[in-house]
Structures are given as structure tokens and as C-alpha cells.
Amino acid sequence: MKKRVVAVDFDDVLANFNGAYCVHHNEHYGTSISFEDIVDFDMCALYGIDQTTNILRVRHFCHNHHHQILPHQGAQEVLELLSDRYALHLLTSRCESLRDTTLEWLKRYRMDCFAEYHFTNGFGTLFPDKSRSKAQVCTDIGAVALIEDAPENAHTVA
């Protein structure tokens, strides 16, 4: 019997991206943001910078300091339980340029249990022609659920 598909987001679902990024940003750019200050997904307003600067800083962090991102407690165990019953697909807004870095991270933390990996290129400008919505990917792969931290993506998929 074919397993039903469940899509799983990466940043701030499996990996504590914003926790690591705010520490990095504070150290390198003189801000004093705590994880508790993050109440929405508007990083430009949070850090007081424009979109171009934000993209460059996040890209630099992801390509040079990705090792600072730690998994959320229990994420690996939950994936293990879900993978017994569902075909898990990673579904991330990350750019395609982070594919290898992301897959290495998943392997390091024993979370490489995904049947497929979908990078929607929703953050950044490197591959605008490859940008897709999470809702479209969920439709294309026949996902019955999306484990997601962004309310806008969750509502659109629902």
C-alpha cells in the first residue's frame, strides 16, 4: 500500500533557524534581538534593514554559518514516527542554492528520511524562474498535510 504524503517545512520546524540567526545578527551587526522578539516573518522590520540587505545577510549566514543552526528538540524522533506511516517530503522556502547545505544538515542530525526534497526558492532572488508556492507543491505531490510554522503558508495550503 502506498503511503500518503506529508510535507514538512525546514526552518523553524526542524531547524531552529531564527534562534541561530538572531544570535549571529546580534554578534555581526550590533543588534540586540532575542528569539522572543520574533513575532512575525518580516525580517526587514525586525532588524531595521531593507530587503536587499536582508537577503544578502541571510544568504551569507546560510552559506557560511549554517553549522550554528541546531535542530529543535524532538524533531528527529517525530520524523522517525511519522516516516513509519507517511511518505515525508521536505518542503522549504529555501533557495535551490542551499540544497547541498540543507541535505548535509539533515544527514548530520539523522533527519534524512525524506522521500523527496522541494526547494521553492521563495526566499531570495537567485532563481526567480524556479519560485513556486508551497500550496502548488502540496497539490502537485498530493500531500495530505503540511507541517509548517508560517500561518500564511498553512492557510493557503489548507
C-alpha atoms as a PDB file:
ATOM      1  CA  MET A   1       0.000   0.000   0.000  1.00  0.00           C
ATOM      2  CA  LYS A   2       1.329   3.408  -0.993  1.00  0.00           C
ATOM      3  CA  LYS A   3       1.935   5.776   1.920  1.00  0.00           C
ATOM      4  CA  ARG A   4       0.153   9.128   1.983  1.00  0.00           C
ATOM      5  CA  VAL A   5       2.404  12.157   1.598  1.00  0.00           C
ATOM      6  CA  VAL A   6       3.074  14.636   4.412  1.00  0.00           C
ATOM      7  CA  ALA A   7       5.116  17.735   3.594  1.00  0.00           C
ATOM      8  CA  VAL A   8       7.418  19.122   6.287  1.00  0.00           C
ATOM      9  CA  ASP A   9       8.932  22.606   6.399  1.00  0.00           C
ATOM     10  CA  PHE A  10      12.594  23.007   7.384  1.00  0.00           C
ATOM     11  CA  ASP A  11      13.363  26.363   9.012  1.00  0.00           C
ATOM     12  CA  ASP A  12      11.836  26.766  12.464  1.00  0.00           C
ATOM     13  CA  VAL A  13      10.044  23.431  12.182  1.00  0.00           C
ATOM     14  CA  LEU A  14      13.015  21.051  12.132  1.00  0.00           C
ATOM     15  CA  ALA A  15      15.829  23.553  12.485  1.00  0.00           C
ATOM     16  CA  ASN A  16      15.989  26.498  14.874  1.00  0.00           C
ATOM     17  CA  PHE A  17      16.932  28.940  12.114  1.00  0.00           C
ATOM     18  CA  ASN A  18      15.648  32.151  13.673  1.00  0.00           C
ATOM     19  CA  GLY A  19      17.173  31.346  17.061  1.00  0.00           C
ATOM     20  CA  ALA A  20      20.607  30.905  15.492  1.00  0.00           C
ATOM     21  CA  TYR A  21      20.209  33.782  13.051  1.00  0.00           C
ATOM     22  CA  CYS A  22      19.262  36.397  15.642  1.00  0.00           C
ATOM     23  CA  VAL A  23      22.351  35.481  17.734  1.00  0.00           C
ATOM     24  CA  HIS A  24      24.517  35.715  14.599  1.00  0.00           C
ATOM     25  CA  HIS A  25      22.920  39.015  13.547  1.00  0.00           C
ATOM     26  CA  ASN A  26      23.437  40.497  17.006  1.00  0.00           C
ATOM     27  CA  GLU A  27      27.115  39.489  17.021  1.00  0.00           C
ATOM     28  CA  HIS A  28      27.883  40.677  13.489  1.00  0.00           C
ATOM     29  CA  TYR A  29      25.602  43.702  13.028  1.00  0.00           C
ATOM     30  CA  GLY A  30      25.237  45.127  16.528  1.00  0.00           C
ATOM     31  CA  THR A  31      21.553  44.409  17.062  1.00  0.00           C
ATOM     32  CA  SER A  32      20.020  43.098  20.288  1.00  0.00           C
ATOM     33  CA  ILE A  33      17.166  40.908  19.063  1.00  0.00           C
ATOM     34  CA  SER A  34      16.051  37.917  21.119  1.00  0.00           C
ATOM     35  CA  PHE A  35      14.170  34.949  19.772  1.00  0.00           C
ATOM     36  CA  GLU A  36      11.139  36.117  21.765  1.00  0.00           C
ATOM     37  CA  ASP A  37      11.137  39.370  19.736  1.00  0.00           C
ATOM     38  CA  ILE A  38      10.301  37.418  16.576  1.00  0.00           C
ATOM     39  CA  VAL A  39       6.520  37.600  16.291  1.00  0.00           C
ATOM     40  CA  ASP A  40       6.089  37.548  12.504  1.00  0.00           C
ATOM     41  CA  PHE A  41       8.049  36.870   9.329  1.00  0.00           C
ATOM     42  CA  ASP A  42       9.015  40.476   8.492  1.00  0.00           C
ATOM     43  CA  MET A  43      12.769  40.237   8.996  1.00  0.00           C
ATOM     44  CA  CYS A  44      13.352  43.675   7.460  1.00  0.00           C
ATOM     45  CA  ALA A  45      11.228  45.388  10.104  1.00  0.00           C
ATOM     46  CA  LEU A  46      12.679  43.242  12.886  1.00  0.00           C
ATOM     47  CA  TYR A  47      16.296  44.020  12.016  1.00  0.00           C
ATOM     48  CA  GLY A  48      15.658  47.541  10.663  1.00  0.00           C
ATOM     49  CA  ILE A  49      17.102  46.857   7.211  1.00  0.00           C
ATOM     50  CA  ASP A  50      15.941  46.886   3.589  1.00  0.00           C
ATOM     51  CA  GLN A  51      15.083  43.750   1.617  1.00  0.00           C
ATOM     52  CA  THR A  52      18.331  43.682  -0.385  1.00  0.00           C
ATOM     53  CA  THR A  53      20.447  43.882   2.769  1.00  0.00           C
ATOM     54  CA  ASN A  54      18.299  41.237   4.444  1.00  0.00           C
ATOM     55  CA  ILE A  55      18.703  38.815   1.542  1.00  0.00           C
ATOM     56  CA  LEU A  56      22.474  39.327   1.456  1.00  0.00           C
ATOM     57  CA  ARG A  57      22.833  38.840   5.224  1.00  0.00           C
ATOM     58  CA  VAL A  58      20.662  35.710   5.329  1.00  0.00           C
ATOM     59  CA  ARG A  59      22.453  34.266   2.297  1.00  0.00           C
ATOM     60  CA  HIS A  60      25.841  34.917   3.919  1.00  0.00           C
ATOM     61  CA  PHE A  61      24.675  33.298   7.163  1.00  0.00           C
ATOM     62  CA  CYS A  62      23.270  30.228   5.428  1.00  0.00           C
ATOM     63  CA  HIS A  63      26.320  29.670   3.258  1.00  0.00           C
ATOM     64  CA  ASN A  64      28.961  30.437   5.898  1.00  0.00           C
ATOM     65  CA  HIS A  65      27.448  29.839   9.337  1.00  0.00           C
ATOM     66  CA  HIS A  66      24.868  27.103   8.732  1.00  0.00           C
ATOM     67  CA  HIS A  67      26.625  24.916  11.314  1.00  0.00           C
ATOM     68  CA  GLN A  68      25.273  27.254  14.021  1.00  0.00           C
ATOM     69  CA  ILE A  69      21.706  26.119  13.341  1.00  0.00           C
ATOM     70  CA  LEU A  70      20.634  23.361  15.701  1.00  0.00           C
ATOM     71  CA  PRO A  71      17.633  21.047  15.428  1.00  0.00           C
ATOM     72  CA  HIS A  72      14.536  21.608  17.506  1.00  0.00           C
ATOM     73  CA  GLN A  73      14.367  19.184  20.398  1.00  0.00           C
ATOM     74  CA  GLY A  74      12.411  16.068  19.447  1.00  0.00           C
ATOM     75  CA  ALA A  75      12.315  16.799  15.709  1.00  0.00           C
ATOM     76  CA  GLN A  76      14.296  13.701  14.735  1.00  0.00           C
ATOM     77  CA  GLU A  77      12.145  11.431  16.884  1.00  0.00           C
ATOM     78  CA  VAL A  78       8.905  12.864  15.479  1.00  0.00           C
ATOM     79  CA  LEU A  79      10.135  12.396  11.906  1.00  0.00           C
ATOM     80  CA  GLU A  80      11.027   8.810  12.717  1.00  0.00           C
ATOM     81  CA  LEU A  81       7.497   8.153  13.994  1.00  0.00           C
ATOM     82  CA  LEU A  82       5.843   9.889  11.041  1.00  0.00           C
ATOM     83  CA  SER A  83       8.009   8.117   8.471  1.00  0.00           C
ATOM     84  CA  ASP A  84       6.635   4.765   9.611  1.00  0.00           C
ATOM     85  CA  ARG A  85       3.199   5.790   8.394  1.00  0.00           C
ATOM     86  CA  TYR A  86       3.749   8.540   5.798  1.00  0.00           C
ATOM     87  CA  ALA A  87       5.984   9.336   2.857  1.00  0.00           C
ATOM     88  CA  LEU A  88       7.663  12.500   4.097  1.00  0.00           C
ATOM     89  CA  HIS A  89       8.628  15.274   1.690  1.00  0.00           C
ATOM     90  CA  LEU A  90      10.775  18.202   2.751  1.00  0.00           C
ATOM     91  CA  LEU A  91       9.093  21.396   1.546  1.00  0.00           C
ATOM     92  CA  THR A  92      11.106  24.544   2.190  1.00  0.00           C
ATOM     93  CA  SER A  93      11.097  28.154   1.023  1.00  0.00           C
ATOM     94  CA  ARG A  94      14.862  27.912   0.885  1.00  0.00           C
ATOM     95  CA  CYS A  95      16.677  28.676  -2.312  1.00  0.00           C
ATOM     96  CA  GLU A  96      17.923  25.852  -4.508  1.00  0.00           C
ATOM     97  CA  SER A  97      21.473  27.096  -3.825  1.00  0.00           C
ATOM     98  CA  LEU A  98      21.104  25.740  -0.261  1.00  0.00           C
ATOM     99  CA  ARG A  99      20.155  22.223  -1.348  1.00  0.00           C
ATOM    100  CA  ASP A 100      23.510  20.582  -0.556  1.00  0.00           C
ATOM    101  CA  THR A 101      23.938  22.515   2.703  1.00  0.00           C
ATOM    102  CA  THR A 102      20.413  21.575   3.806  1.00  0.00           C
ATOM    103  CA  LEU A 103      20.783  17.908   2.874  1.00  0.00           C
ATOM    104  CA  GLU A 104      24.112  17.704   4.725  1.00  0.00           C
ATOM    105  CA  TRP A 105      22.463  19.250   7.805  1.00  0.00           C
ATOM    106  CA  LEU A 106      19.621  16.727   7.660  1.00  0.00           C
ATOM    107  CA  LYS A 107      22.102  13.869   7.392  1.00  0.00           C
ATOM    108  CA  ARG A 108      24.237  15.200  10.276  1.00  0.00           C
ATOM    109  CA  TYR A 109      21.196  15.302  12.556  1.00  0.00           C
ATOM    110  CA  ARG A 110      19.771  11.979  11.308  1.00  0.00           C
ATOM    111  CA  MET A 111      16.748  13.572   9.662  1.00  0.00           C
ATOM    112  CA  ASP A 112      17.429  12.379   6.128  1.00  0.00           C
ATOM    113  CA  CYS A 113      14.250  10.298   5.980  1.00  0.00           C
ATOM    114  CA  PHE A 114      12.547  12.227   3.189  1.00  0.00           C
ATOM    115  CA  ALA A 115      11.288  10.599   0.013  1.00  0.00           C
ATOM    116  CA  GLU A 116      11.702  13.887  -1.885  1.00  0.00           C
ATOM    117  CA  TYR A 117      13.065  17.387  -1.350  1.00  0.00           C
ATOM    118  CA  HIS A 118      11.310  20.513  -2.652  1.00  0.00           C
ATOM    119  CA  PHE A 119      13.032  23.914  -2.604  1.00  0.00           C
ATOM    120  CA  THR A 120      10.509  26.578  -3.596  1.00  0.00           C
ATOM    121  CA  ASN A 121      13.033  29.403  -3.933  1.00  0.00           C
ATOM    122  CA  GLY A 122      10.639  31.622  -2.012  1.00  0.00           C
ATOM    123  CA  PHE A 123      13.374  33.499  -0.185  1.00  0.00           C
ATOM    124  CA  GLY A 124      15.926  35.419  -2.164  1.00  0.00           C
ATOM    125  CA  THR A 125      16.414  36.242  -5.789  1.00  0.00           C
ATOM    126  CA  LEU A 126      18.864  33.693  -7.150  1.00  0.00           C
ATOM    127  CA  PHE A 127      16.331  31.557  -9.033  1.00  0.00           C
ATOM    128  CA  PRO A 128      13.164  33.628  -9.616  1.00  0.00           C
ATOM    129  CA  ASP A 129      12.172  31.403 -12.543  1.00  0.00           C
ATOM    130  CA  LYS A 130      12.098  28.383 -10.196  1.00  0.00           C
ATOM    131  CA  SER A 131       9.980  30.035  -7.494  1.00  0.00           C
ATOM    132  CA  ARG A 132       6.867  28.034  -6.532  1.00  0.00           C
ATOM    133  CA  SER A 133       4.285  28.309  -3.784  1.00  0.00           C
ATOM    134  CA  LYS A 134       4.091  25.671  -1.089  1.00  0.00           C
ATOM    135  CA  ALA A 135       0.398  25.275  -1.929  1.00  0.00           C
ATOM    136  CA  GLN A 136       1.263  24.402  -5.532  1.00  0.00           C
ATOM    137  CA  VAL A 137       3.898  21.878  -4.463  1.00  0.00           C
ATOM    138  CA  CYS A 138       1.475  20.274  -1.979  1.00  0.00           C
ATOM    139  CA  THR A 139      -1.088  19.940  -4.760  1.00  0.00           C
ATOM    140  CA  ASP A 140       1.500  18.532  -7.174  1.00  0.00           C
ATOM    141  CA  ILE A 141       2.747  15.897  -4.708  1.00  0.00           C
ATOM    142  CA  GLY A 142      -0.708  15.066  -3.302  1.00  0.00           C
ATOM    143  CA  ALA A 143       0.202  15.993   0.274  1.00  0.00           C
ATOM    144  CA  VAL A 144      -2.499  15.279   2.854  1.00  0.00           C
ATOM    145  CA  ALA A 145      -0.851  17.624   5.375  1.00  0.00           C
ATOM    146  CA  LEU A 146       1.837  20.277   5.720  1.00  0.00           C
ATOM    147  CA  ILE A 147       3.786  20.741   8.947  1.00  0.00           C
ATOM    148  CA  GLU A 148       4.512  24.468   8.757  1.00  0.00           C
ATOM    149  CA  ASP A 149       5.294  27.427  11.016  1.00  0.00           C
ATOM    150  CA  ALA A 150       4.175  30.260   8.695  1.00  0.00           C
ATOM    151  CA  PRO A 151       0.432  30.903   9.118  1.00  0.00           C
ATOM    152  CA  GLU A 152       0.127  32.315   5.592  1.00  0.00           C
ATOM    153  CA  ASN A 153       1.510  29.113   4.034  1.00  0.00           C
ATOM    154  CA  ALA A 154      -0.636  26.932   6.301  1.00  0.00           C
ATOM    155  CA  HIS A 155      -3.818  28.848   5.399  1.00  0.00           C
ATOM    156  CA  THR A 156      -3.038  28.791   1.680  1.00  0.00           C
ATOM    157  CA  VAL A 157      -2.360  25.061   1.719  1.00  0.00           C
ATOM    158  CA  ALA A 158      -5.499  24.385   3.798  1.00  0.00           C
END
